[in-house]
Structure formats: C-alpha cells, structure tokens
Amino acid sequence: MIPGVYGNSYQIVQAPGLVAIRYEMVHDTRIIRLDGAPHPGSLIHLDMGDAKGHWEGNTLVVETTNFNQRSAYRNANAATLRIVERFTPKSPGTLEWSVTVDDPSTWMRPWTFAIPLTVNNAEAIEQYECHEGNRGISSILSGARATEKTTDPSIR
C-alpha cells in the first residue's frame, strides 16, 4: 500500500470475521482474518504473507508473517519478517496507516512509518493492465509498418 507512481487506489471492506483490502495495482485482494486462529506453520509461504487481525479499541491491528522470499519487503528474510499494521480512524474520511517492519536478520531493530489514507469516492479502482494508455500499440505497429515499407520492396 506504499504509494507508487500510479495505481494507488484501495477499497477496504469489512465482513463478519474478516477485512478485505482490494488493491488497484495488479488487482490483488488481501484477506485479513479476524478469527483469532494462529498463523500457519513455517512451511506455508504466501506472496502477500498470512495476515491476522484484531481490534484494539477502534484500531485494526494486522500482523503479517509467512511471506514468500520473492515478495518479502525490501529483500528482507521471508522466514523472519513480521509486519504489524495499524489502521486508526483520525477524522471522517481519514485513516492513519502505521506500519512496523521487524526482521532481526535484516535490520538492527524494528522501524515504523505512517501515512494517511483518505476516502476519495471520485477515484474509482481502475482495471490494471499493461497497455501504455491504449495508444502505444497502435503507434508501435504503425511505425513498424512504415519501416517495413522502406526496407522490404515486396510491401507497397
């Protein structure tokens, strides 16, 4: 959920026993279980990790472990990486998202950052596709056809 160049829209939905976060970027949906069950054993690894949540007052606290090495944050050690997030309402339409990253085999001590998440109903989650604004392919093909006409005498 760290903002990037584009694709920064999210949708957070709560249902009995879970919270789901739908991401615009790559169109992933993250399921955060609130059932109190433990994380799976250390042989289970997931691209987005295994997220478990609970409430501390009005703050949703999410602990995520069991990452795949290929998706571990900042090249941390997936076997020892633990991320704790806190989603706290600050005002109507604003949540503070606080993240503590803990991996004793990568960093000397845990570290934390926080950013506000704001509601913007005018900014819908868009379809994620690699398409260069739906204009790139036609320009690429017209350029290739022009090059072919100048280099291949059989094309007129």
Protein backbone atom coordinates (compact mmCIF):
# COMPACT_ATOMS: atom_id res chain seq x y z
CA MET A 1 0.00 0.00 0.00
CA ILE A 2 3.01 2.29 -0.15
CA PRO A 3 2.14 4.89 -2.80
CA GLY A 4 3.78 4.49 -6.18
CA VAL A 5 3.70 6.38 -9.46
CA TYR A 6 0.17 5.16 -10.23
CA GLY A 7 -2.35 2.53 -9.13
CA ASN A 8 -2.76 3.85 -5.60
CA SER A 9 -6.49 3.27 -5.09
CA TYR A 10 -7.73 0.81 -2.49
CA GLN A 11 -11.05 -0.45 -1.29
CA ILE A 12 -11.35 -1.67 2.30
CA VAL A 13 -14.36 -3.84 3.09
CA GLN A 14 -15.31 -5.39 6.42
CA ALA A 15 -17.45 -8.52 6.72
CA PRO A 16 -18.10 -10.84 9.66
CA GLY A 17 -14.76 -12.39 10.66
CA LEU A 18 -12.60 -10.61 8.08
CA VAL A 19 -11.42 -7.44 6.43
CA ALA A 20 -10.56 -7.39 2.73
CA ILE A 21 -8.35 -4.83 1.02
CA ARG A 22 -8.65 -4.67 -2.75
CA TYR A 23 -5.66 -3.07 -4.46
CA GLU A 24 -5.74 -1.31 -7.81
CA MET A 25 -2.12 -2.27 -8.53
CA VAL A 26 -2.07 -5.78 -10.03
CA HIS A 27 -5.70 -6.19 -8.88
CA ASP A 28 -4.87 -8.22 -5.76
CA THR A 29 -7.23 -8.66 -2.84
CA ARG A 30 -5.79 -9.24 0.60
CA ILE A 31 -7.88 -11.13 3.14
CA ILE A 32 -7.25 -10.34 6.81
CA ARG A 33 -8.85 -12.95 9.06
CA LEU A 34 -10.19 -11.78 12.41
CA ASP A 35 -10.98 -15.27 13.77
CA GLY A 36 -8.08 -15.49 16.25
CA ALA A 37 -6.63 -18.58 14.57
CA PRO A 38 -2.83 -18.84 14.61
CA HIS A 39 -0.62 -18.29 11.57
CA PRO A 40 0.00 -21.48 9.58
CA GLY A 41 3.22 -23.42 10.11
CA SER A 42 6.54 -22.14 8.82
CA LEU A 43 6.30 -24.32 5.68
CA ILE A 44 3.39 -22.25 4.32
CA HIS A 45 4.50 -19.15 2.36
CA LEU A 46 2.21 -16.68 0.59
CA ASP A 47 3.01 -13.79 -1.77
CA MET A 48 1.16 -11.31 0.43
CA GLY A 49 2.01 -13.18 3.63
CA ASP A 50 -0.55 -14.51 6.10
CA ALA A 51 -2.45 -11.61 7.69
CA LYS A 52 -4.20 -11.94 11.05
CA GLY A 53 -6.11 -9.03 12.54
CA HIS A 54 -7.69 -7.98 15.80
CA TRP A 55 -9.21 -4.82 17.23
CA GLU A 56 -7.61 -2.63 19.89
CA GLY A 57 -10.39 -0.14 20.53
CA ASN A 58 -11.18 1.46 17.16
CA THR A 59 -7.79 0.45 15.66
CA LEU A 60 -7.47 -2.58 13.42
CA VAL A 61 -4.11 -4.22 14.17
CA VAL A 62 -2.83 -6.61 11.48
CA GLU A 63 0.17 -8.92 11.91
CA THR A 64 1.53 -10.50 8.73
CA THR A 65 4.08 -13.32 8.54
CA ASN A 66 4.75 -16.34 6.28
CA PHE A 67 5.95 -14.39 3.23
CA ASN A 68 7.44 -15.86 0.06
CA GLN A 69 11.06 -14.80 -0.38
CA ARG A 70 10.30 -13.33 -3.83
CA SER A 71 7.80 -10.91 -2.30
CA ALA A 72 9.46 -10.10 1.05
CA TYR A 73 9.54 -6.34 1.67
CA ARG A 74 12.84 -4.64 0.78
CA ASN A 75 14.62 -8.00 0.37
CA ALA A 76 14.04 -8.92 3.99
CA ASN A 77 14.38 -12.53 5.09
CA ALA A 78 10.93 -14.02 4.47
CA ALA A 79 11.49 -16.59 7.23
CA THR A 80 11.89 -13.91 9.92
CA LEU A 81 9.93 -10.94 8.51
CA ARG A 82 6.99 -9.71 10.57
CA ILE A 83 4.92 -6.67 9.63
CA VAL A 84 2.43 -5.06 12.02
CA GLU A 85 -0.03 -2.52 10.60
CA ARG A 86 -2.42 -0.28 12.46
CA PHE A 87 -5.45 1.29 10.76
CA THR A 88 -6.77 4.06 13.02
CA PRO A 89 -9.61 6.47 12.16
CA LYS A 90 -8.41 10.07 12.58
CA SER A 91 -11.31 12.04 11.12
CA PRO A 92 -14.28 11.38 8.86
CA GLY A 93 -12.78 10.00 5.66
CA THR A 94 -9.21 9.61 7.00
CA LEU A 95 -7.35 6.63 8.46
CA GLU A 96 -3.79 6.66 9.74
CA TRP A 97 -1.96 3.65 8.36
CA SER A 98 1.03 2.87 10.57
CA VAL A 99 3.42 0.06 9.64
CA THR A 100 6.15 -1.51 11.79
CA VAL A 101 8.62 -3.69 9.89
CA ASP A 102 10.50 -6.21 12.00
CA ASP A 103 13.14 -8.61 10.71
CA PRO A 104 16.08 -9.12 13.07
CA SER A 105 18.09 -10.87 10.35
CA THR A 106 17.84 -7.82 8.03
CA TRP A 107 17.61 -4.71 10.27
CA MET A 108 19.15 -3.92 13.64
CA ARG A 109 15.78 -3.00 15.12
CA PRO A 110 12.14 -2.68 14.03
CA TRP A 111 11.23 0.53 12.24
CA THR A 112 7.90 2.27 11.67
CA PHE A 113 6.37 4.65 9.15
CA ALA A 114 2.86 6.08 8.86
CA ILE A 115 0.80 7.80 6.17
CA PRO A 116 -2.82 8.96 6.00
CA LEU A 117 -5.29 7.07 3.83
CA THR A 118 -8.15 9.26 2.62
CA VAL A 119 -11.53 8.44 1.14
CA ASN A 120 -11.98 9.68 -2.41
CA ASN A 121 -15.11 8.18 -3.95
CA ALA A 122 -14.43 10.07 -7.20
CA GLU A 123 -11.29 7.98 -7.76
CA ALA A 124 -12.51 4.52 -8.71
CA ILE A 125 -10.26 1.47 -8.79
CA GLU A 126 -9.26 1.12 -12.43
CA GLN A 127 -8.63 -2.06 -14.40
CA TYR A 128 -4.91 -2.84 -14.08
CA GLU A 129 -3.33 -3.67 -17.43
CA CYS A 130 -0.03 -3.01 -19.14
CA HIS A 131 -1.26 -1.10 -22.15
CA GLU A 132 0.57 2.24 -22.45
CA GLY A 133 -2.68 4.18 -22.27
CA ASN A 134 -4.24 2.03 -25.02
CA ARG A 135 -2.32 4.15 -27.58
CA GLY A 136 1.15 2.65 -27.53
CA ILE A 137 0.43 -0.48 -29.53
CA SER A 138 -1.13 1.37 -32.48
CA SER A 139 1.86 3.73 -32.64
CA ILE A 140 4.31 0.84 -32.39
CA LEU A 141 2.54 -1.06 -35.17
CA SER A 142 2.21 1.96 -37.49
CA GLY A 143 5.93 2.68 -37.04
CA ALA A 144 6.79 -0.95 -37.80
CA ARG A 145 4.60 -0.92 -40.93
CA ALA A 146 6.31 2.29 -42.15
CA THR A 147 9.75 0.71 -41.57
CA GLU A 148 8.71 -2.42 -43.44
CA LYS A 149 7.60 -0.36 -46.46
CA THR A 150 11.02 1.29 -46.69
CA THR A 151 13.05 -1.88 -46.16
CA ASP A 152 11.05 -4.59 -47.94
CA PRO A 153 10.36 -3.90 -51.65
CA SER A 154 7.58 -6.51 -51.76
CA ILE A 155 5.44 -4.36 -49.39
CA ARG A 156 3.64 -1.47 -51.07
